[in-house]
PDB file of N, CA and C in Angstrom:
ATOM      1  N   UNK A   1      37.425-106.139 -57.129  1.00  0.00           N
ATOM      2  CA  UNK A   1      37.409-107.586 -56.987  1.00  0.00           C
ATOM      3  C   UNK A   1      36.276-107.955 -56.048  1.00  0.00           C
ATOM      4  N   UNK A   2      35.535-109.004 -56.392  1.00  0.00           N
ATOM      5  CA  UNK A   2      34.419-109.397 -55.547  1.00  0.00           C
ATOM      6  C   UNK A   2      34.904-110.188 -54.332  1.00  0.00           C
ATOM      7  N   UNK A   3      34.094-110.152 -53.304  1.00  0.00           N
ATOM      8  CA  UNK A   3      34.422-110.854 -52.070  1.00  0.00           C
ATOM      9  C   UNK A   3      34.291-112.362 -52.285  1.00  0.00           C
ATOM     10  N   UNK A   4      35.251-113.120 -51.787  1.00  0.00           N
ATOM     11  CA  UNK A   4      35.207-114.570 -51.914  1.00  0.00           C
ATOM     12  C   UNK A   4      34.112-115.107 -50.994  1.00  0.00           C
ATOM     13  N   UNK A   5      33.186-115.847 -51.568  1.00  0.00           N
ATOM     14  CA  UNK A   5      32.102-116.390 -50.756  1.00  0.00           C
ATOM     15  C   UNK A   5      31.854-117.872 -51.034  1.00  0.00           C
ATOM     16  N   UNK A   6      32.535-118.423 -52.007  1.00  0.00           N
ATOM     17  CA  UNK A   6      32.345-119.826 -52.369  1.00  0.00           C
ATOM     18  C   UNK A   6      33.534-120.654 -51.896  1.00  0.00           C
ATOM     19  N   UNK A   7      33.277-121.930 -51.640  1.00  0.00           N
ATOM     20  CA  UNK A   7      34.316-122.839 -51.170  1.00  0.00           C
ATOM     21  C   UNK A   7      34.385-124.029 -52.120  1.00  0.00           C
ATOM     22  N   UNK A   8      35.602-124.528 -52.350  1.00  0.00           N
ATOM     23  CA  UNK A   8      35.827-125.711 -53.172  1.00  0.00           C
ATOM     24  C   UNK A   8      36.609-126.713 -52.330  1.00  0.00           C
ATOM     25  N   UNK A   9      36.143-127.948 -52.283  1.00  0.00           N
ATOM     26  CA  UNK A   9      36.858-129.017 -51.585  1.00  0.00           C
ATOM     27  C   UNK A   9      37.446-129.950 -52.632  1.00  0.00           C
ATOM     28  N   UNK A  10      38.681-130.355 -52.425  1.00  0.00           N
ATOM     29  CA  UNK A  10      39.368-131.218 -53.384  1.00  0.00           C
ATOM     30  C   UNK A  10      39.981-132.396 -52.644  1.00  0.00           C
ATOM     31  N   UNK A  11      39.791-133.577 -53.158  1.00  0.00           N
ATOM     32  CA  UNK A  11      40.444-134.771 -52.615  1.00  0.00           C
ATOM     33  C   UNK A  11      41.554-135.165 -53.577  1.00  0.00           C
ATOM     34  N   UNK A  12      42.695-135.548 -53.013  1.00  0.00           N
ATOM     35  CA  UNK A  12      43.838-135.926 -53.837  1.00  0.00           C
ATOM     36  C   UNK A  12      44.691-136.943 -53.089  1.00  0.00           C
ATOM     37  N   UNK A  13      45.670-137.464 -53.771  1.00  0.00           N
ATOM     38  CA  UNK A  13      46.592-138.407 -53.136  1.00  0.00           C
ATOM     39  C   UNK A  13      47.594-137.631 -52.276  1.00  0.00           C
ATOM     40  N   UNK A  14      48.214-138.301 -51.309  1.00  0.00           N
ATOM     41  CA  UNK A  14      49.239-137.628 -50.500  1.00  0.00           C
ATOM     42  C   UNK A  14      50.384-137.087 -51.355  1.00  0.00           C
ATOM     43  N   UNK A  15      50.755-137.792 -52.416  1.00  0.00           N
ATOM     44  CA  UNK A  15      51.865-137.329 -53.272  1.00  0.00           C
ATOM     45  C   UNK A  15      51.511-136.036 -53.996  1.00  0.00           C
ATOM     46  N   UNK A  16      50.294-135.943 -54.514  1.00  0.00           N
ATOM     47  CA  UNK A  16      49.871-134.721 -55.210  1.00  0.00           C
ATOM     48  C   UNK A  16      49.740-133.573 -54.217  1.00  0.00           C
ATOM     49  N   UNK A  17      49.214-133.856 -53.025  1.00  0.00           N
ATOM     50  CA  UNK A  17      49.119-132.804 -52.008  1.00  0.00           C
ATOM     51  C   UNK A  17      50.503-132.276 -51.673  1.00  0.00           C
ATOM     52  N   UNK A  18      51.462-133.174 -51.488  1.00  0.00           N
ATOM     53  CA  UNK A  18      52.828-132.750 -51.181  1.00  0.00           C
ATOM     54  C   UNK A  18      53.393-131.879 -52.300  1.00  0.00           C
ATOM     55  N   UNK A  19      53.137-132.259 -53.546  1.00  0.00           N
ATOM     56  CA  UNK A  19      53.602-131.485 -54.695  1.00  0.00           C
ATOM     57  C   UNK A  19      52.994-130.086 -54.684  1.00  0.00           C
ATOM     58  N   UNK A  20      51.697-129.997 -54.420  1.00  0.00           N
ATOM     59  CA  UNK A  20      51.014-128.697 -54.394  1.00  0.00           C
ATOM     60  C   UNK A  20      51.532-127.832 -53.251  1.00  0.00           C
ATOM     61  N   UNK A  21      51.683-128.416 -52.079  1.00  0.00           N
ATOM     62  CA  UNK A  21      52.191-127.665 -50.925  1.00  0.00           C
ATOM     63  C   UNK A  21      53.606-127.169 -51.195  1.00  0.00           C
ATOM     64  N   UNK A  22      54.440-128.021 -51.791  1.00  0.00           N
ATOM     65  CA  UNK A  22      55.827-127.629 -52.101  1.00  0.00           C
ATOM     66  C   UNK A  22      55.851-126.506 -53.138  1.00  0.00           C
ATOM     67  N   UNK A  23      54.995-126.613 -54.144  1.00  0.00           N
ATOM     68  CA  UNK A  23      54.944-125.580 -55.178  1.00  0.00           C
ATOM     69  C   UNK A  23      54.477-124.250 -54.596  1.00  0.00           C
ATOM     70  N   UNK A  24      53.462-124.283 -53.752  1.00  0.00           N
ATOM     71  CA  UNK A  24      52.969-123.053 -53.123  1.00  0.00           C
ATOM     72  C   UNK A  24      54.044-122.430 -52.243  1.00  0.00           C
ATOM     73  N   UNK A  25      54.732-123.276 -51.499  1.00  0.00           N
ATOM     74  CA  UNK A  25      55.806-122.792 -50.629  1.00  0.00           C
ATOM     75  C   UNK A  25      56.925-122.160 -51.451  1.00  0.00           C
ATOM     76  N   UNK A  26      57.292-122.810 -52.544  1.00  0.00           N
ATOM     77  CA  UNK A  26      58.335-122.270 -53.424  1.00  0.00           C
ATOM     78  C   UNK A  26      57.922-120.917 -53.988  1.00  0.00           C
ATOM     79  N   UNK A  27      56.640-120.773 -54.306  1.00  0.00           N
ATOM     80  CA  UNK A  27      56.125-119.513 -54.849  1.00  0.00           C
ATOM     81  C   UNK A  27      55.919-118.465 -53.757  1.00  0.00           C
ATOM     82  N   UNK A  28      55.979-118.904 -52.496  1.00  0.00           N
ATOM     83  CA  UNK A  28      55.812-117.959 -51.389  1.00  0.00           C
ATOM     84  C   UNK A  28      54.371-117.536 -51.164  1.00  0.00           C
ATOM     85  N   UNK A  29      53.423-118.422 -51.496  1.00  0.00           N
ATOM     86  CA  UNK A  29      52.005-118.105 -51.329  1.00  0.00           C
ATOM     87  C   UNK A  29      51.304-119.262 -50.627  1.00  0.00           C
ATOM     88  N   UNK A  30      50.076-119.015 -50.203  1.00  0.00           N
ATOM     89  CA  UNK A  30      49.287-120.077 -49.582  1.00  0.00           C
ATOM     90  C   UNK A  30      48.865-121.090 -50.642  1.00  0.00           C
ATOM     91  N   UNK A  31      48.468-122.271 -50.188  1.00  0.00           N
ATOM     92  CA  UNK A  31      47.991-123.299 -51.117  1.00  0.00           C
ATOM     93  C   UNK A  31      46.761-122.784 -51.864  1.00  0.00           C
ATOM     94  N   UNK A  32      45.845-122.123 -51.169  1.00  0.00           N
ATOM     95  CA  UNK A  32      44.644-121.585 -51.823  1.00  0.00           C
ATOM     96  C   UNK A  32      45.006-120.599 -52.921  1.00  0.00           C
ATOM     97  N   UNK A  33      45.895-119.663 -52.605  1.00  0.00           N
ATOM     98  CA  UNK A  33      46.318-118.670 -53.597  1.00  0.00           C
ATOM     99  C   UNK A  33      46.987-119.349 -54.780  1.00  0.00           C
ATOM    100  N   UNK A  34      47.825-120.326 -54.495  1.00  0.00           N
ATOM    101  CA  UNK A  34      48.524-121.054 -55.561  1.00  0.00           C
ATOM    102  C   UNK A  34      47.530-121.773 -56.475  1.00  0.00           C
ATOM    103  N   UNK A  35      46.586-122.493 -55.889  1.00  0.00           N
ATOM    104  CA  UNK A  35      45.616-123.238 -56.692  1.00  0.00           C
ATOM    105  C   UNK A  35      44.724-122.315 -57.514  1.00  0.00           C
ATOM    106  N   UNK A  36      44.298-121.200 -56.929  1.00  0.00           N
ATOM    107  CA  UNK A  36      43.473-120.254 -57.679  1.00  0.00           C
ATOM    108  C   UNK A  36      44.243-119.659 -58.855  1.00  0.00           C
ATOM    109  N   UNK A  37      45.499-119.302 -58.631  1.00  0.00           N
ATOM    110  CA  UNK A  37      46.321-118.743 -59.708  1.00  0.00           C
ATOM    111  C   UNK A  37      46.563-119.793 -60.797  1.00  0.00           C
ATOM    112  N   UNK A  38      46.850-121.018 -60.385  1.00  0.00           N
ATOM    113  CA  UNK A  38      47.107-122.088 -61.353  1.00  0.00           C
ATOM    114  C   UNK A  38      45.867-122.390 -62.187  1.00  0.00           C
ATOM    115  N   UNK A  39      44.702-122.281 -61.581  1.00  0.00           N
ATOM    116  CA  UNK A  39      43.460-122.542 -62.308  1.00  0.00           C
ATOM    117  C   UNK A  39      43.170-121.457 -63.335  1.00  0.00           C
ATOM    118  N   UNK A  40      43.689-120.270 -63.087  1.00  0.00           N
ATOM    119  CA  UNK A  40      43.424-119.147 -63.988  1.00  0.00           C
ATOM    120  C   UNK A  40      44.444-119.018 -65.099  1.00  0.00           C
ATOM    121  N   UNK A  41      45.626-119.558 -64.899  1.00  0.00           N
ATOM    122  CA  UNK A  41      46.683-119.416 -65.904  1.00  0.00           C
ATOM    123  C   UNK A  41      47.554-120.657 -65.899  1.00  0.00           C
ATOM    124  N   UNK A  42      47.729-121.225 -67.064  1.00  0.00           N
ATOM    125  CA  UNK A  42      48.529-122.439 -67.153  1.00  0.00           C
ATOM    126  C   UNK A  42      49.431-122.383 -68.373  1.00  0.00           C
ATOM    127  N   UNK A  43      50.659-122.816 -68.188  1.00  0.00           N
ATOM    128  CA  UNK A  43      51.638-122.871 -69.271  1.00  0.00           C
ATOM    129  C   UNK A  43      52.210-124.276 -69.261  1.00  0.00           C
ATOM    130  N   UNK A  44      51.760-125.106 -70.171  1.00  0.00           N
ATOM    131  CA  UNK A  44      52.138-126.508 -70.166  1.00  0.00           C
ATOM    132  C   UNK A  44      52.870-126.857 -71.450  1.00  0.00           C
ATOM    133  N   UNK A  45      53.992-127.527 -71.297  1.00  0.00           N
ATOM    134  CA  UNK A  45      54.762-128.004 -72.442  1.00  0.00           C
ATOM    135  C   UNK A  45      55.233-129.422 -72.151  1.00  0.00           C
ATOM    136  N   UNK A  46      55.339-130.253 -73.184  1.00  0.00           N
ATOM    137  CA  UNK A  46      55.987-131.550 -72.985  1.00  0.00           C
ATOM    138  C   UNK A  46      57.447-131.323 -72.567  1.00  0.00           C
ATOM    139  N   UNK A  47      58.052-132.302 -71.918  1.00  0.00           N
ATOM    140  CA  UNK A  47      59.412-132.153 -71.388  1.00  0.00           C
ATOM    141  C   UNK A  47      60.408-131.703 -72.456  1.00  0.00           C
ATOM    142  N   UNK A  48      60.355-132.303 -73.631  1.00  0.00           N
ATOM    143  CA  UNK A  48      61.310-131.938 -74.689  1.00  0.00           C
ATOM    144  C   UNK A  48      61.124-130.489 -75.120  1.00  0.00           C
ATOM    145  N   UNK A  49      59.879-130.050 -75.254  1.00  0.00           N
ATOM    146  CA  UNK A  49      59.609-128.667 -75.659  1.00  0.00           C
ATOM    147  C   UNK A  49      60.031-127.701 -74.566  1.00  0.00           C
ATOM    148  N   UNK A  50      59.855-128.090 -73.284  1.00  0.00           N
ATOM    149  CA  UNK A  50      60.269-127.239 -72.173  1.00  0.00           C
ATOM    150  C   UNK A  50      61.770-127.006 -72.213  1.00  0.00           C
ATOM    151  N   UNK A  51      62.539-128.067 -72.527  1.00  0.00           N
ATOM    152  CA  UNK A  51      63.996-127.928 -72.616  1.00  0.00           C
ATOM    153  C   UNK A  51      64.385-126.982 -73.744  1.00  0.00           C
ATOM    154  N   UNK A  52      63.710-127.087 -74.884  1.00  0.00           N
ATOM    155  CA  UNK A  52      63.979-126.181 -76.015  1.00  0.00           C
ATOM    156  C   UNK A  52      63.625-124.753 -75.622  1.00  0.00           C
ATOM    157  N   UNK A  53      62.487-124.580 -74.967  1.00  0.00           N
ATOM    158  CA  UNK A  53      62.054-123.258 -74.518  1.00  0.00           C
ATOM    159  C   UNK A  53      63.071-122.661 -73.547  1.00  0.00           C
ATOM    160  N   UNK A  54      63.507-123.457 -72.569  1.00  0.00           N
ATOM    161  CA  UNK A  54      64.507-122.996 -71.612  1.00  0.00           C
ATOM    162  C   UNK A  54      65.814-122.624 -72.277  1.00  0.00           C
ATOM    163  N   UNK A  55      66.252-123.442 -73.236  1.00  0.00           N
ATOM    164  CA  UNK A  55      67.494-123.145 -73.959  1.00  0.00           C
ATOM    165  C   UNK A  55      67.364-121.842 -74.735  1.00  0.00           C
ATOM    166  N   UNK A  56      66.202-121.627 -75.347  1.00  0.00           N
ATOM    167  CA  UNK A  56      65.983-120.385 -76.100  1.00  0.00           C
ATOM    168  C   UNK A  56      66.039-119.180 -75.166  1.00  0.00           C
ATOM    169  N   UNK A  57      65.445-119.311 -73.993  1.00  0.00           N
ATOM    170  CA  UNK A  57      65.495-118.205 -73.034  1.00  0.00           C
ATOM    171  C   UNK A  57      66.913-117.966 -72.540  1.00  0.00           C
ATOM    172  N   UNK A  58      67.658-119.049 -72.332  1.00  0.00           N
ATOM    173  CA  UNK A  58      69.039-118.916 -71.859  1.00  0.00           C
ATOM    174  C   UNK A  58      69.949-118.281 -72.899  1.00  0.00           C
ATOM    175  N   UNK A  59      69.586-118.384 -74.179  1.00  0.00           N
ATOM    176  CA  UNK A  59      70.468-117.886 -75.233  1.00  0.00           C
ATOM    177  C   UNK A  59      70.115-116.470 -75.700  1.00  0.00           C
ATOM    178  N   UNK A  60      69.243-115.797 -74.982  1.00  0.00           N
ATOM    179  CA  UNK A  60      68.899-114.428 -75.360  1.00  0.00           C
ATOM    180  C   UNK A  60      70.141-113.545 -75.297  1.00  0.00           C
ATOM    181  N   UNK A  61      70.266-112.655 -76.269  1.00  0.00           N
ATOM    182  CA  UNK A  61      71.445-111.783 -76.320  1.00  0.00           C
ATOM    183  C   UNK A  61      71.491-110.819 -75.134  1.00  0.00           C
ATOM    184  N   UNK A  62      70.362-110.250 -74.781  1.00  0.00           N
ATOM    185  CA  UNK A  62      70.314-109.303 -73.669  1.00  0.00           C
ATOM    186  C   UNK A  62      70.199-110.092 -72.368  1.00  0.00           C
ATOM    187  N   UNK A  63      71.100-109.864 -71.424  1.00  0.00           N
ATOM    188  CA  UNK A  63      71.007-110.584 -70.147  1.00  0.00           C
ATOM    189  C   UNK A  63      69.675-110.299 -69.450  1.00  0.00           C
ATOM    190  N   UNK A  64      69.062-111.318 -68.940  1.00  0.00           N
ATOM    191  CA  UNK A  64      67.800-111.195 -68.212  1.00  0.00           C
ATOM    192  C   UNK A  64      67.953-111.953 -66.885  1.00  0.00           C
ATOM    193  N   UNK A  65      68.557-111.287 -65.888  1.00  0.00           N
ATOM    194  CA  UNK A  65      68.857-111.968 -64.627  1.00  0.00           C
ATOM    195  C   UNK A  65      67.628-112.530 -63.913  1.00  0.00           C
ATOM    196  N   UNK A  66      66.493-111.831 -63.926  1.00  0.00           N
ATOM    197  CA  UNK A  66      65.304-112.345 -63.240  1.00  0.00           C
ATOM    198  C   UNK A  66      64.769-113.592 -63.933  1.00  0.00           C
ATOM    199  N   UNK A  67      64.804-113.592 -65.265  1.00  0.00           N
ATOM    200  CA  UNK A  67      64.349-114.757 -66.010  1.00  0.00           C
ATOM    201  C   UNK A  67      65.295-115.934 -65.785  1.00  0.00           C
ATOM    202  N   UNK A  68      66.584-115.675 -65.797  1.00  0.00           N
ATOM    203  CA  UNK A  68      67.570-116.729 -65.539  1.00  0.00           C
ATOM    204  C   UNK A  68      67.395-117.302 -64.132  1.00  0.00           C
ATOM    205  N   UNK A  69      67.125-116.438 -63.157  1.00  0.00           N
ATOM    206  CA  UNK A  69      66.917-116.895 -61.790  1.00  0.00           C
ATOM    207  C   UNK A  69      65.657-117.758 -61.694  1.00  0.00           C
ATOM    208  N   UNK A  70      64.604-117.364 -62.412  1.00  0.00           N
ATOM    209  CA  UNK A  70      63.370-118.154 -62.408  1.00  0.00           C
ATOM    210  C   UNK A  70      63.609-119.531 -63.019  1.00  0.00           C
ATOM    211  N   UNK A  71      64.354-119.594 -64.099  1.00  0.00           N
ATOM    212  CA  UNK A  71      64.657-120.881 -64.725  1.00  0.00           C
ATOM    213  C   UNK A  71      65.515-121.735 -63.791  1.00  0.00           C
ATOM    214  N   UNK A  72      66.442-121.134 -63.097  1.00  0.00           N
ATOM    215  CA  UNK A  72      67.289-121.877 -62.150  1.00  0.00           C
ATOM    216  C   UNK A  72      66.438-122.440 -61.011  1.00  0.00           C
ATOM    217  N   UNK A  73      65.497-121.620 -60.505  1.00  0.00           N
ATOM    218  CA  UNK A  73      64.607-122.102 -59.444  1.00  0.00           C
ATOM    219  C   UNK A  73      63.763-123.267 -59.955  1.00  0.00           C
ATOM    220  N   UNK A  74      63.296-123.161 -61.208  1.00  0.00           N
ATOM    221  CA  UNK A  74      62.494-124.248 -61.784  1.00  0.00           C
ATOM    222  C   UNK A  74      63.322-125.531 -61.864  1.00  0.00           C
ATOM    223  N   UNK A  75      64.549-125.420 -62.310  1.00  0.00           N
ATOM    224  CA  UNK A  75      65.408-126.613 -62.414  1.00  0.00           C
ATOM    225  C   UNK A  75      65.655-127.223 -61.028  1.00  0.00           C
ATOM    226  N   UNK A  76      65.916-126.370 -60.028  1.00  0.00           N
ATOM    227  CA  UNK A  76      66.135-126.846 -58.654  1.00  0.00           C
ATOM    228  C   UNK A  76      64.880-127.524 -58.124  1.00  0.00           C
ATOM    229  N   UNK A  77      63.722-126.896 -58.380  1.00  0.00           N
ATOM    230  CA  UNK A  77      62.456-127.440 -57.906  1.00  0.00           C
ATOM    231  C   UNK A  77      62.186-128.787 -58.569  1.00  0.00           C
ATOM    232  N   UNK A  78      62.453-128.870 -59.866  1.00  0.00           N
ATOM    233  CA  UNK A  78      62.243-130.105 -60.605  1.00  0.00           C
ATOM    234  C   UNK A  78      63.153-131.208 -60.065  1.00  0.00           C
ATOM    235  N   UNK A  79      64.412-130.870 -59.793  1.00  0.00           N
ATOM    236  CA  UNK A  79      65.381-131.837 -59.275  1.00  0.00           C
ATOM    237  C   UNK A  79      64.996-132.285 -57.862  1.00  0.00           C
ATOM    238  N   UNK A  80      64.540-131.359 -57.029  1.00  0.00           N
ATOM    239  CA  UNK A  80      64.179-131.690 -55.650  1.00  0.00           C
ATOM    240  C   UNK A  80      62.990-132.640 -55.585  1.00  0.00           C
ATOM    241  N   UNK A  81      62.119-132.573 -56.585  1.00  0.00           N
ATOM    242  CA  UNK A  81      60.939-133.427 -56.594  1.00  0.00           C
ATOM    243  C   UNK A  81      61.189-134.814 -57.138  1.00  0.00           C
ATOM    244  N   UNK A  82      62.375-135.071 -57.706  1.00  0.00           N
ATOM    245  CA  UNK A  82      62.634-136.387 -58.297  1.00  0.00           C
ATOM    246  C   UNK A  82      63.130-137.379 -57.287  1.00  0.00           C
TER     247      UNK A  82
END
């Protein structure tokens, strides 16, 4: 991996900053690490499709405790932000 030598400055609203800080904290990483990871990989679905996707994951025959825990954290995070 190459040494980080470039800097990016971003201006945003206080609400978006709070959302980013909360998301990074939930993920257990720094804001910089969170933003870099988010810029490299994104999984976006409309709300209705996300619910269908979540239901499909919840209905898997083989129990997947880590996946279920991740979905529960997502639901909690989504609820906390409303």
